């Protein structure tokens, strides 16, 4: 079982986000970066670029998602877990403020100057990028991404696979359904059904987003 092997983490992605992650946590945290075959990629801080999942299986026991695109994240998670890889322990920047009773699942990232409030929960593979605030008693579903500067009020529920745009605001006590997209700068005052696209201030449900295959 991969859980009994020494922890060797593959960083999935080699773009700007992956470079930021390696810059923050160091190249020694990863054995290499994975990029789908046929996609252009350059080494990140000298880490080898791997394009074959069989090679990943042989060299890594854990994975970390260094990509933002929702469909790509879903596909990468499926491949990684099918090979027996498990998400790495939460990666938290030293400047972030995480409440002692907050619950962070494996695969999470908390970027620099971010805040995770008391009794909040980040489920598996949630990414909270720099200067974002997740207030108290909030739950963010697995494989969701919170971009820089977003503010999420207390007692908020965000479903799995959501994308919360940069500098957006979600007032307390609302629920955002799974696979929803909150645009940059949007201000959400009410609940949203799954697969919603939310834009503007106040945010309006512009259209249904096709659920990722």
C-alpha atoms as a PDB file:
ATOM      1  CA  UNK A   1       0.000   0.000   0.000  1.00  0.00           C
ATOM      2  CA  UNK A   2       1.276   3.472  -0.847  1.00  0.00           C
ATOM      3  CA  UNK A   3       0.567   4.660   2.687  1.00  0.00           C
ATOM      4  CA  UNK A   4       3.364   2.375   3.939  1.00  0.00           C
ATOM      5  CA  UNK A   5       5.948   3.759   1.518  1.00  0.00           C
ATOM      6  CA  UNK A   6       8.160   6.781   2.267  1.00  0.00           C
ATOM      7  CA  UNK A   7       6.297   9.922   1.283  1.00  0.00           C
ATOM      8  CA  UNK A   8       7.331  11.001  -2.195  1.00  0.00           C
ATOM      9  CA  UNK A   9       5.028  13.594  -3.716  1.00  0.00           C
ATOM     10  CA  UNK A  10       4.384  14.305  -7.372  1.00  0.00           C
ATOM     11  CA  UNK A  11       3.240  17.845  -8.139  1.00  0.00           C
ATOM     12  CA  UNK A  12       0.613  17.682 -10.873  1.00  0.00           C
ATOM     13  CA  UNK A  13       1.149  20.685 -13.129  1.00  0.00           C
ATOM     14  CA  UNK A  14       4.115  22.782 -14.195  1.00  0.00           C
ATOM     15  CA  UNK A  15       2.598  26.170 -14.968  1.00  0.00           C
ATOM     16  CA  UNK A  16       2.637  29.419 -13.033  1.00  0.00           C
ATOM     17  CA  UNK A  17       0.734  27.952 -10.077  1.00  0.00           C
ATOM     18  CA  UNK A  18       3.112  25.006  -9.823  1.00  0.00           C
ATOM     19  CA  UNK A  19       6.062  27.383  -9.893  1.00  0.00           C
ATOM     20  CA  UNK A  20       4.518  29.394  -7.059  1.00  0.00           C
ATOM     21  CA  UNK A  21       3.967  26.240  -5.001  1.00  0.00           C
ATOM     22  CA  UNK A  22       7.550  25.076  -5.461  1.00  0.00           C
ATOM     23  CA  UNK A  23       8.786  28.574  -4.688  1.00  0.00           C
ATOM     24  CA  UNK A  24       6.878  28.585  -1.394  1.00  0.00           C
ATOM     25  CA  UNK A  25       7.422  25.007  -0.201  1.00  0.00           C
ATOM     26  CA  UNK A  26      10.736  24.211  -1.885  1.00  0.00           C
ATOM     27  CA  UNK A  27      11.765  21.760  -4.594  1.00  0.00           C
ATOM     28  CA  UNK A  28      12.681  19.129  -1.991  1.00  0.00           C
ATOM     29  CA  UNK A  29       8.965  18.709  -1.215  1.00  0.00           C
ATOM     30  CA  UNK A  30       8.435  17.024  -4.612  1.00  0.00           C
ATOM     31  CA  UNK A  31      10.010  14.275  -6.696  1.00  0.00           C
ATOM     32  CA  UNK A  32       8.886  15.865  -9.958  1.00  0.00           C
ATOM     33  CA  UNK A  33       6.051  17.506 -11.833  1.00  0.00           C
ATOM     34  CA  UNK A  34       3.484  15.689 -13.964  1.00  0.00           C
ATOM     35  CA  UNK A  35       2.094  17.092 -17.203  1.00  0.00           C
ATOM     36  CA  UNK A  36      -0.239  15.340 -19.620  1.00  0.00           C
ATOM     37  CA  UNK A  37       1.641  14.015 -22.642  1.00  0.00           C
ATOM     38  CA  UNK A  38       1.601  16.465 -25.535  1.00  0.00           C
ATOM     39  CA  UNK A  39       1.271  19.573 -23.373  1.00  0.00           C
ATOM     40  CA  UNK A  40       4.201  22.006 -23.376  1.00  0.00           C
ATOM     41  CA  UNK A  41       6.095  22.043 -20.092  1.00  0.00           C
ATOM     42  CA  UNK A  42       9.382  23.258 -18.727  1.00  0.00           C
ATOM     43  CA  UNK A  43      11.150  22.076 -15.567  1.00  0.00           C
ATOM     44  CA  UNK A  44      10.195  23.854 -12.352  1.00  0.00           C
ATOM     45  CA  UNK A  45      13.269  24.610 -10.229  1.00  0.00           C
ATOM     46  CA  UNK A  46      15.062  21.730 -11.901  1.00  0.00           C
ATOM     47  CA  UNK A  47      12.415  19.119 -11.038  1.00  0.00           C
ATOM     48  CA  UNK A  48      12.002  16.413 -13.670  1.00  0.00           C
ATOM     49  CA  UNK A  49       8.922  16.644 -15.885  1.00  0.00           C
ATOM     50  CA  UNK A  50       7.016  13.351 -16.093  1.00  0.00           C
ATOM     51  CA  UNK A  51       4.419  12.653 -18.782  1.00  0.00           C
ATOM     52  CA  UNK A  52       3.655   8.984 -18.094  1.00  0.00           C
ATOM     53  CA  UNK A  53       1.384   7.874 -15.233  1.00  0.00           C
ATOM     54  CA  UNK A  54       3.274   4.553 -15.004  1.00  0.00           C
ATOM     55  CA  UNK A  55       6.431   6.500 -14.193  1.00  0.00           C
ATOM     56  CA  UNK A  56       4.493   8.478 -11.588  1.00  0.00           C
ATOM     57  CA  UNK A  57       3.337   5.236  -9.975  1.00  0.00           C
ATOM     58  CA  UNK A  58       6.910   4.001  -9.676  1.00  0.00           C
ATOM     59  CA  UNK A  59       8.440   7.175  -8.260  1.00  0.00           C
ATOM     60  CA  UNK A  60       5.681   8.672  -6.063  1.00  0.00           C
ATOM     61  CA  UNK A  61       3.445   7.628  -3.189  1.00  0.00           C
ATOM     62  CA  UNK A  62       1.503  10.905  -2.840  1.00  0.00           C
ATOM     63  CA  UNK A  63       0.158  13.612  -5.127  1.00  0.00           C
ATOM     64  CA  UNK A  64      -0.586  17.309  -4.937  1.00  0.00           C
ATOM     65  CA  UNK A  65      -2.790  19.186  -7.425  1.00  0.00           C
ATOM     66  CA  UNK A  66      -0.962  22.258  -8.698  1.00  0.00           C
ATOM     67  CA  UNK A  67      -3.575  23.133 -11.318  1.00  0.00           C
ATOM     68  CA  UNK A  68      -6.698  25.301 -11.339  1.00  0.00           C
ATOM     69  CA  UNK A  69      -8.846  23.998 -14.198  1.00  0.00           C
ATOM     70  CA  UNK A  70     -11.714  22.026 -12.666  1.00  0.00           C
ATOM     71  CA  UNK A  71     -11.965  19.360 -15.363  1.00  0.00           C
ATOM     72  CA  UNK A  72      -8.199  18.825 -15.276  1.00  0.00           C
ATOM     73  CA  UNK A  73      -8.254  18.527 -11.480  1.00  0.00           C
ATOM     74  CA  UNK A  74     -11.013  15.903 -11.596  1.00  0.00           C
ATOM     75  CA  UNK A  75      -9.190  13.868 -14.233  1.00  0.00           C
ATOM     76  CA  UNK A  76      -5.847  14.085 -12.435  1.00  0.00           C
ATOM     77  CA  UNK A  77      -7.361  12.991  -9.106  1.00  0.00           C
ATOM     78  CA  UNK A  78      -8.986  10.005 -10.764  1.00  0.00           C
ATOM     79  CA  UNK A  79      -5.737   8.869 -12.370  1.00  0.00           C
ATOM     80  CA  UNK A  80      -3.679   9.432  -9.231  1.00  0.00           C
ATOM     81  CA  UNK A  81      -6.031   7.550  -6.941  1.00  0.00           C
ATOM     82  CA  UNK A  82      -6.449   4.719  -9.445  1.00  0.00           C
ATOM     83  CA  UNK A  83      -2.682   4.171  -9.148  1.00  0.00           C
ATOM     84  CA  UNK A  84      -2.884   4.016  -5.371  1.00  0.00           C
ATOM     85  CA  UNK A  85      -1.440   7.476  -4.754  1.00  0.00           C
ATOM     86  CA  UNK A  86      -2.857   9.432  -1.834  1.00  0.00           C
ATOM     87  CA  UNK A  87      -3.094  13.190  -1.300  1.00  0.00           C
ATOM     88  CA  UNK A  88      -0.200  14.736   0.564  1.00  0.00           C
ATOM     89  CA  UNK A  89      -0.588  16.115   4.098  1.00  0.00           C
ATOM     90  CA  UNK A  90      -1.942  19.698   4.171  1.00  0.00           C
ATOM     91  CA  UNK A  91       0.539  22.283   2.957  1.00  0.00           C
ATOM     92  CA  UNK A  92       0.251  25.487   4.995  1.00  0.00           C
ATOM     93  CA  UNK A  93       2.382  28.574   4.495  1.00  0.00           C
ATOM     94  CA  UNK A  94       4.016  29.810   7.691  1.00  0.00           C
ATOM     95  CA  UNK A  95       2.362  33.235   7.339  1.00  0.00           C
ATOM     96  CA  UNK A  96      -1.174  31.779   7.197  1.00  0.00           C
ATOM     97  CA  UNK A  97      -3.420  31.838  10.266  1.00  0.00           C
ATOM     98  CA  UNK A  98      -5.225  28.561  10.830  1.00  0.00           C
ATOM     99  CA  UNK A  99      -7.459  28.209  13.896  1.00  0.00           C
ATOM    100  CA  UNK A 100      -6.429  25.375  16.229  1.00  0.00           C
ATOM    101  CA  UNK A 101      -9.772  23.631  15.816  1.00  0.00           C
ATOM    102  CA  UNK A 102      -9.999  24.023  12.039  1.00  0.00           C
ATOM    103  CA  UNK A 103     -10.022  20.691  10.191  1.00  0.00           C
ATOM    104  CA  UNK A 104      -7.825  20.379   7.113  1.00  0.00           C
ATOM    105  CA  UNK A 105      -7.940  17.181   5.073  1.00  0.00           C
ATOM    106  CA  UNK A 106      -5.066  15.740   3.040  1.00  0.00           C
ATOM    107  CA  UNK A 107      -4.240  17.506  -0.211  1.00  0.00           C
ATOM    108  CA  UNK A 108      -5.175  20.971   1.071  1.00  0.00           C
ATOM    109  CA  UNK A 109      -3.145  24.090   0.453  1.00  0.00           C
ATOM    110  CA  UNK A 110      -3.382  27.275   2.528  1.00  0.00           C
ATOM    111  CA  UNK A 111      -1.430  30.075   0.892  1.00  0.00           C
ATOM    112  CA  UNK A 112       0.462  32.933   2.438  1.00  0.00           C
ATOM    113  CA  UNK A 113      -1.456  35.461   4.544  1.00  0.00           C
ATOM    114  CA  UNK A 114      -4.648  33.405   4.308  1.00  0.00           C
ATOM    115  CA  UNK A 115      -6.978  32.905   7.284  1.00  0.00           C
ATOM    116  CA  UNK A 116      -8.901  29.746   8.162  1.00  0.00           C
ATOM    117  CA  UNK A 117     -11.337  30.475  10.973  1.00  0.00           C
ATOM    118  CA  UNK A 118     -12.398  28.452  14.016  1.00  0.00           C
ATOM    119  CA  UNK A 119     -14.385  25.246  13.461  1.00  0.00           C
ATOM    120  CA  UNK A 120     -14.026  25.491   9.692  1.00  0.00           C
ATOM    121  CA  UNK A 121     -13.378  22.459   7.522  1.00  0.00           C
ATOM    122  CA  UNK A 122     -11.440  22.124   4.288  1.00  0.00           C
ATOM    123  CA  UNK A 123     -12.139  18.771   2.723  1.00  0.00           C
ATOM    124  CA  UNK A 124      -9.713  16.774   0.581  1.00  0.00           C
ATOM    125  CA  UNK A 125      -7.750  18.612  -2.136  1.00  0.00           C
ATOM    126  CA  UNK A 126      -9.103  22.076  -1.317  1.00  0.00           C
ATOM    127  CA  UNK A 127      -6.862  24.964  -2.336  1.00  0.00           C
ATOM    128  CA  UNK A 128      -7.122  28.301  -0.500  1.00  0.00           C
ATOM    129  CA  UNK A 129      -4.760  30.703  -2.193  1.00  0.00           C
ATOM    130  CA  UNK A 130      -2.969  33.722  -0.770  1.00  0.00           C
ATOM    131  CA  UNK A 131      -4.767  36.438   1.190  1.00  0.00           C
ATOM    132  CA  UNK A 132      -8.091  34.593   1.155  1.00  0.00           C
ATOM    133  CA  UNK A 133     -10.297  34.437   4.257  1.00  0.00           C
ATOM    134  CA  UNK A 134     -12.449  31.463   5.242  1.00  0.00           C
ATOM    135  CA  UNK A 135     -14.430  32.522   8.285  1.00  0.00           C
ATOM    136  CA  UNK A 136     -15.583  30.395  11.214  1.00  0.00           C
ATOM    137  CA  UNK A 137     -17.825  27.315  10.956  1.00  0.00           C
ATOM    138  CA  UNK A 138     -17.513  27.116   7.184  1.00  0.00           C
ATOM    139  CA  UNK A 139     -17.201  23.908   5.160  1.00  0.00           C
ATOM    140  CA  UNK A 140     -15.559  23.793   1.734  1.00  0.00           C
ATOM    141  CA  UNK A 141     -16.170  20.616  -0.233  1.00  0.00           C
ATOM    142  CA  UNK A 142     -13.432  18.486  -1.730  1.00  0.00           C
ATOM    143  CA  UNK A 143     -11.492  19.571  -4.813  1.00  0.00           C
ATOM    144  CA  UNK A 144     -12.676  23.190  -4.572  1.00  0.00           C
ATOM    145  CA  UNK A 145     -10.433  26.168  -5.280  1.00  0.00           C
ATOM    146  CA  UNK A 146     -10.560  29.549  -3.529  1.00  0.00           C
ATOM    147  CA  UNK A 147      -8.590  32.178  -5.411  1.00  0.00           C
ATOM    148  CA  UNK A 148      -6.552  35.051  -3.926  1.00  0.00           C
ATOM    149  CA  UNK A 149      -8.367  37.684  -1.937  1.00  0.00           C
ATOM    150  CA  UNK A 150     -11.691  35.867  -1.687  1.00  0.00           C
ATOM    151  CA  UNK A 151     -13.711  36.374   1.515  1.00  0.00           C
ATOM    152  CA  UNK A 152     -16.067  33.624   2.682  1.00  0.00           C
ATOM    153  CA  UNK A 153     -18.341  34.439   5.614  1.00  0.00           C
ATOM    154  CA  UNK A 154     -19.091  32.267   8.609  1.00  0.00           C
ATOM    155  CA  UNK A 155     -21.429  29.271   8.514  1.00  0.00           C
ATOM    156  CA  UNK A 156     -21.100  29.071   4.723  1.00  0.00           C
ATOM    157  CA  UNK A 157     -21.353  25.738   2.917  1.00  0.00           C
ATOM    158  CA  UNK A 158     -19.531  25.287  -0.381  1.00  0.00           C
ATOM    159  CA  UNK A 159     -20.037  22.056  -2.295  1.00  0.00           C
ATOM    160  CA  UNK A 160     -17.388  19.924  -3.929  1.00  0.00           C
ATOM    161  CA  UNK A 161     -15.650  20.986  -7.127  1.00  0.00           C
ATOM    162  CA  UNK A 162     -16.419  24.696  -6.760  1.00  0.00           C
ATOM    163  CA  UNK A 163     -14.323  27.584  -8.071  1.00  0.00           C
ATOM    164  CA  UNK A 164     -14.407  30.760  -5.983  1.00  0.00           C
ATOM    165  CA  UNK A 165     -12.929  33.642  -7.942  1.00  0.00           C
ATOM    166  CA  UNK A 166     -10.389  36.224  -6.841  1.00  0.00           C
ATOM    167  CA  UNK A 167     -11.668  39.045  -4.605  1.00  0.00           C
ATOM    168  CA  UNK A 168     -15.181  37.597  -4.471  1.00  0.00           C
ATOM    169  CA  UNK A 169     -17.279  37.783  -1.304  1.00  0.00           C
ATOM    170  CA  UNK A 170     -19.758  35.283   0.097  1.00  0.00           C
ATOM    171  CA  UNK A 171     -21.914  36.539   2.947  1.00  0.00           C
ATOM    172  CA  UNK A 172     -22.433  34.306   6.001  1.00  0.00           C
ATOM    173  CA  UNK A 173     -25.022  31.524   6.193  1.00  0.00           C
ATOM    174  CA  UNK A 174     -25.319  30.739   2.483  1.00  0.00           C
ATOM    175  CA  UNK A 175     -24.851  27.501   0.553  1.00  0.00           C
ATOM    176  CA  UNK A 176     -23.136  27.238  -2.809  1.00  0.00           C
ATOM    177  CA  UNK A 177     -23.976  23.984  -4.584  1.00  0.00           C
ATOM    178  CA  UNK A 178     -21.379  21.607  -5.967  1.00  0.00           C
ATOM    179  CA  UNK A 179     -19.564  22.343  -9.240  1.00  0.00           C
ATOM    180  CA  UNK A 180     -20.456  26.023  -9.117  1.00  0.00           C
ATOM    181  CA  UNK A 181     -18.357  28.912 -10.414  1.00  0.00           C
ATOM    182  CA  UNK A 182     -18.184  32.242  -8.588  1.00  0.00           C
ATOM    183  CA  UNK A 183     -16.645  34.885 -10.837  1.00  0.00           C
ATOM    184  CA  UNK A 184     -13.887  37.241  -9.751  1.00  0.00           C
ATOM    185  CA  UNK A 185     -15.290  40.139  -7.731  1.00  0.00           C
ATOM    186  CA  UNK A 186     -18.769  38.611  -7.412  1.00  0.00           C
ATOM    187  CA  UNK A 187     -20.699  39.286  -4.199  1.00  0.00           C
ATOM    188  CA  UNK A 188     -23.000  36.407  -3.240  1.00  0.00           C
ATOM    189  CA  UNK A 189     -25.936  37.142  -0.918  1.00  0.00           C
ATOM    190  CA  UNK A 190     -28.056  34.034  -1.387  1.00  0.00           C
ATOM    191  CA  UNK A 191     -27.899  30.275  -1.864  1.00  0.00           C
ATOM    192  CA  UNK A 192     -26.982  28.853  -5.263  1.00  0.00           C
ATOM    193  CA  UNK A 193     -27.996  25.549  -6.800  1.00  0.00           C
ATOM    194  CA  UNK A 194     -25.353  23.068  -7.943  1.00  0.00           C
ATOM    195  CA  UNK A 195     -23.709  23.831 -11.301  1.00  0.00           C
ATOM    196  CA  UNK A 196     -24.369  27.575 -11.028  1.00  0.00           C
ATOM    197  CA  UNK A 197     -22.337  30.373 -12.549  1.00  0.00           C
ATOM    198  CA  UNK A 198     -22.493  33.479 -10.350  1.00  0.00           C
ATOM    199  CA  UNK A 199     -21.445  36.894 -11.602  1.00  0.00           C
ATOM    200  CA  UNK A 200     -21.745  40.510 -10.498  1.00  0.00           C
ATOM    201  CA  UNK A 201     -22.730  42.481  -7.401  1.00  0.00           C
ATOM    202  CA  UNK A 202     -25.147  41.295  -6.258  1.00  0.00           C
ATOM    203  CA  UNK A 203     -24.264  37.995  -7.870  1.00  0.00           C
ATOM    204  CA  UNK A 204     -26.782  36.601 -10.306  1.00  0.00           C
ATOM    205  CA  UNK A 205     -27.090  33.050 -11.525  1.00  0.00           C
ATOM    206  CA  UNK A 206     -26.131  33.658 -15.106  1.00  0.00           C
ATOM    207  CA  UNK A 207     -26.339  30.167 -16.559  1.00  0.00           C
ATOM    208  CA  UNK A 208     -25.989  26.513 -15.754  1.00  0.00           C
ATOM    209  CA  UNK A 209     -22.446  25.267 -15.974  1.00  0.00           C
ATOM    210  CA  UNK A 210     -22.168  21.869 -17.603  1.00  0.00           C
ATOM    211  CA  UNK A 211     -21.160  19.321 -15.020  1.00  0.00           C
ATOM    212  CA  UNK A 212     -17.711  17.964 -15.714  1.00  0.00           C
ATOM    213  CA  UNK A 213     -17.583  14.459 -17.081  1.00  0.00           C
END
